[in-house]
Amino acid sequence: MSRLLLTIAGALLLLICNASAQAQAPSPEAMDAARKLVTTLKIADQYRAALPQLMLKLRPVVAQDRPEIEHDYDAMTAPGSDIYAPFAAAMIDQIAALYAASFTVDELRQIEAFYVQPAGRKLLEKSDALAQASAQIGQDANQKAVDELKQRLTEALRQKQHKP
């Protein structure tokens, strides 16, 4: 799973913690609309897709290179395992609460309506690749700006008789 997705998930969890500490509970209607949007956005699917990578990173820490533990660990953490279910459900509820606290019921429905249309589904499908490409464009532009500014500043300092 991409680092971008993990970064987004981390940011969402941070926002969830802050929002849940500050906001009062959203209405049941808002929560229903938010859960529907979270389902449409396939946030749980993204979480489930990231879990195998997380479990692979955790495996050496838990198993400590002991084959008998590795075998049991692999069986307990196999895709579809119930070990993930409580975490996924809690995450979905917290993200839904975040969305419900951030948008009105009408706005949630409008957003969800967009994402079920072909253009919205296409945006969801391409969003990770677009985010990665956009980040690369930003990095490239920043590097060009740094190089250009360095050259200009060096030249300006030389004109003022300074040795950069």
Protein backbone atom coordinates (compact mmCIF):
# COMPACT_ATOMS: atom_id res chain seq x y z
CA MET A 1 0.00 0.00 0.00
CA SER A 2 1.34 3.40 -0.75
CA ARG A 3 2.89 5.67 1.83
CA LEU A 4 0.42 8.33 0.76
CA LEU A 5 -2.51 6.18 1.82
CA LEU A 6 -0.88 5.41 5.16
CA THR A 7 -0.14 9.10 5.67
CA ILE A 8 -3.75 9.97 4.90
CA ALA A 9 -4.98 7.29 7.27
CA GLY A 10 -2.70 8.62 10.00
CA ALA A 11 -3.89 12.17 9.42
CA LEU A 12 -7.50 11.01 9.49
CA LEU A 13 -6.92 9.20 12.77
CA LEU A 14 -5.34 12.32 14.25
CA LEU A 15 -8.27 14.42 13.07
CA ILE A 16 -10.67 11.84 14.46
CA CYS A 17 -9.08 12.04 17.90
CA ASN A 18 -9.24 15.83 17.88
CA ALA A 19 -12.75 15.96 16.47
CA SER A 20 -14.14 13.39 18.87
CA ALA A 21 -12.65 15.26 21.82
CA GLN A 22 -14.10 18.60 20.70
CA ALA A 23 -17.39 17.86 18.98
CA GLN A 24 -20.66 16.67 20.36
CA ALA A 25 -22.14 13.49 18.97
CA PRO A 26 -23.60 13.89 15.48
CA SER A 27 -27.25 13.06 14.93
CA PRO A 28 -28.23 9.52 13.92
CA GLU A 29 -29.30 10.88 10.52
CA ALA A 30 -25.88 12.49 10.01
CA MET A 31 -24.13 9.30 11.08
CA ASP A 32 -26.22 7.23 8.64
CA ALA A 33 -25.37 9.61 5.78
CA ALA A 34 -21.71 9.64 6.79
CA ARG A 35 -21.50 5.83 7.02
CA LYS A 36 -23.02 5.59 3.55
CA LEU A 37 -20.40 8.03 2.24
CA VAL A 38 -17.57 6.16 3.97
CA THR A 39 -18.83 2.95 2.33
CA THR A 40 -19.02 4.65 -1.08
CA LEU A 41 -15.49 6.00 -0.64
CA LYS A 42 -14.36 2.43 0.09
CA ILE A 43 -12.34 3.54 3.10
CA ALA A 44 -12.72 0.13 4.77
CA ASP A 45 -11.43 -1.54 1.59
CA GLN A 46 -8.35 0.68 1.68
CA TYR A 47 -7.79 -0.26 5.33
CA ARG A 48 -8.19 -3.96 4.56
CA ALA A 49 -5.76 -3.64 1.65
CA ALA A 50 -3.14 -2.05 3.92
CA LEU A 51 -3.43 -4.69 6.65
CA PRO A 52 -1.37 -7.45 5.00
CA GLN A 53 1.59 -5.06 4.73
CA LEU A 54 1.19 -4.06 8.37
CA MET A 55 0.98 -7.70 9.44
CA LEU A 56 4.11 -8.54 7.42
CA LYS A 57 6.02 -5.79 9.23
CA LEU A 58 4.77 -7.03 12.59
CA ARG A 59 5.56 -10.70 11.87
CA PRO A 60 9.31 -10.65 12.67
CA VAL A 61 8.68 -8.74 15.89
CA VAL A 62 6.12 -11.25 17.14
CA ALA A 63 7.58 -14.47 15.71
CA GLN A 64 11.26 -13.67 16.43
CA ASP A 65 12.43 -16.11 13.70
CA ARG A 66 10.77 -19.12 15.33
CA PRO A 67 9.09 -21.27 12.65
CA GLU A 68 6.43 -22.70 14.98
CA ILE A 69 5.26 -19.18 15.87
CA GLU A 70 5.50 -17.97 12.27
CA HIS A 71 3.14 -20.73 11.13
CA ASP A 72 0.54 -19.91 13.80
CA TYR A 73 1.00 -16.18 13.19
CA ASP A 74 0.35 -16.64 9.47
CA ALA A 75 -2.79 -18.66 10.16
CA MET A 76 -4.15 -16.08 12.62
CA THR A 77 -3.47 -13.12 10.33
CA ALA A 78 -4.57 -14.65 7.03
CA PRO A 79 -6.67 -12.39 4.77
CA GLY A 80 -10.27 -12.44 5.89
CA SER A 81 -9.29 -13.17 9.47
CA ASP A 82 -11.64 -11.91 12.18
CA ILE A 83 -8.64 -10.38 13.94
CA TYR A 84 -9.10 -7.19 11.90
CA ALA A 85 -12.87 -6.82 12.21
CA PRO A 86 -13.08 -4.84 15.47
CA PHE A 87 -10.43 -2.40 14.31
CA ALA A 88 -12.07 -1.89 10.93
CA ALA A 89 -15.50 -1.34 12.49
CA ALA A 90 -14.14 1.15 15.02
CA MET A 91 -12.23 3.00 12.33
CA ILE A 92 -15.28 3.22 10.07
CA ASP A 93 -17.42 4.58 12.91
CA GLN A 94 -14.80 7.15 13.86
CA ILE A 95 -14.30 8.30 10.27
CA ALA A 96 -18.08 8.49 9.79
CA ALA A 97 -18.30 10.60 12.96
CA LEU A 98 -15.57 12.88 11.59
CA TYR A 99 -17.44 13.34 8.32
CA ALA A 100 -20.77 13.80 10.17
CA ALA A 101 -19.20 16.49 12.35
CA SER A 102 -17.60 18.22 9.35
CA PHE A 103 -20.56 18.33 6.96
CA THR A 104 -24.31 18.77 7.16
CA VAL A 105 -26.57 15.86 6.32
CA ASP A 106 -27.44 17.53 3.01
CA GLU A 107 -23.75 18.04 2.16
CA LEU A 108 -22.96 14.42 3.00
CA ARG A 109 -25.72 13.28 0.66
CA GLN A 110 -24.48 15.58 -2.10
CA ILE A 111 -20.91 14.32 -1.74
CA GLU A 112 -22.08 10.71 -1.74
CA ALA A 113 -24.27 11.39 -4.80
CA PHE A 114 -21.22 12.68 -6.66
CA TYR A 115 -19.09 9.63 -5.82
CA VAL A 116 -21.71 7.14 -7.03
CA GLN A 117 -21.80 8.82 -10.46
CA PRO A 118 -19.33 7.73 -13.15
CA ALA A 119 -17.11 10.82 -12.70
CA GLY A 120 -16.98 10.29 -8.94
CA ARG A 121 -16.16 6.59 -9.30
CA LYS A 122 -13.43 7.47 -11.79
CA LEU A 123 -11.99 10.03 -9.38
CA LEU A 124 -11.92 7.40 -6.63
CA GLU A 125 -10.19 4.91 -8.91
CA LYS A 126 -7.54 7.40 -10.00
CA SER A 127 -7.10 9.40 -6.78
CA ASP A 128 -4.08 7.49 -5.44
CA ALA A 129 -2.21 7.68 -8.75
CA LEU A 130 -3.17 11.34 -9.15
CA ALA A 131 -2.01 12.16 -5.63
CA GLN A 132 1.34 10.43 -6.23
CA ALA A 133 1.83 12.18 -9.58
CA SER A 134 0.82 15.53 -8.06
CA ALA A 135 3.30 15.06 -5.22
CA GLN A 136 6.05 14.30 -7.73
CA ILE A 137 5.16 17.39 -9.77
CA GLY A 138 5.31 19.45 -6.58
CA GLN A 139 8.71 18.01 -5.63
CA ASP A 140 10.06 18.66 -9.12
CA ALA A 141 8.74 22.24 -9.13
CA ASN A 142 10.22 22.88 -5.68
CA GLN A 143 13.61 21.54 -6.78
CA LYS A 144 13.57 23.77 -9.88
CA ALA A 145 12.62 26.76 -7.73
CA VAL A 146 15.40 26.02 -5.23
CA ASP A 147 17.95 25.65 -8.03
CA GLU A 148 16.81 28.87 -9.72
CA LEU A 149 16.67 30.85 -6.47
CA LYS A 150 20.12 29.61 -5.46
CA GLN A 151 21.51 30.74 -8.80
CA ARG A 152 19.82 34.15 -8.58
CA LEU A 153 20.89 34.74 -4.98
CA THR A 154 24.45 33.66 -5.73
CA GLU A 155 24.56 36.08 -8.67
CA ALA A 156 23.09 38.92 -6.59
CA LEU A 157 25.66 38.35 -3.85
CA ARG A 158 28.49 38.34 -6.41
CA GLN A 159 27.25 41.67 -7.77
CA LYS A 160 27.50 43.06 -4.24
CA GLN A 161 31.12 41.87 -4.03
CA HIS A 162 30.35 38.94 -1.71
CA LYS A 163 31.75 35.47 -2.12
CA PRO A 164 28.92 32.98 -1.75
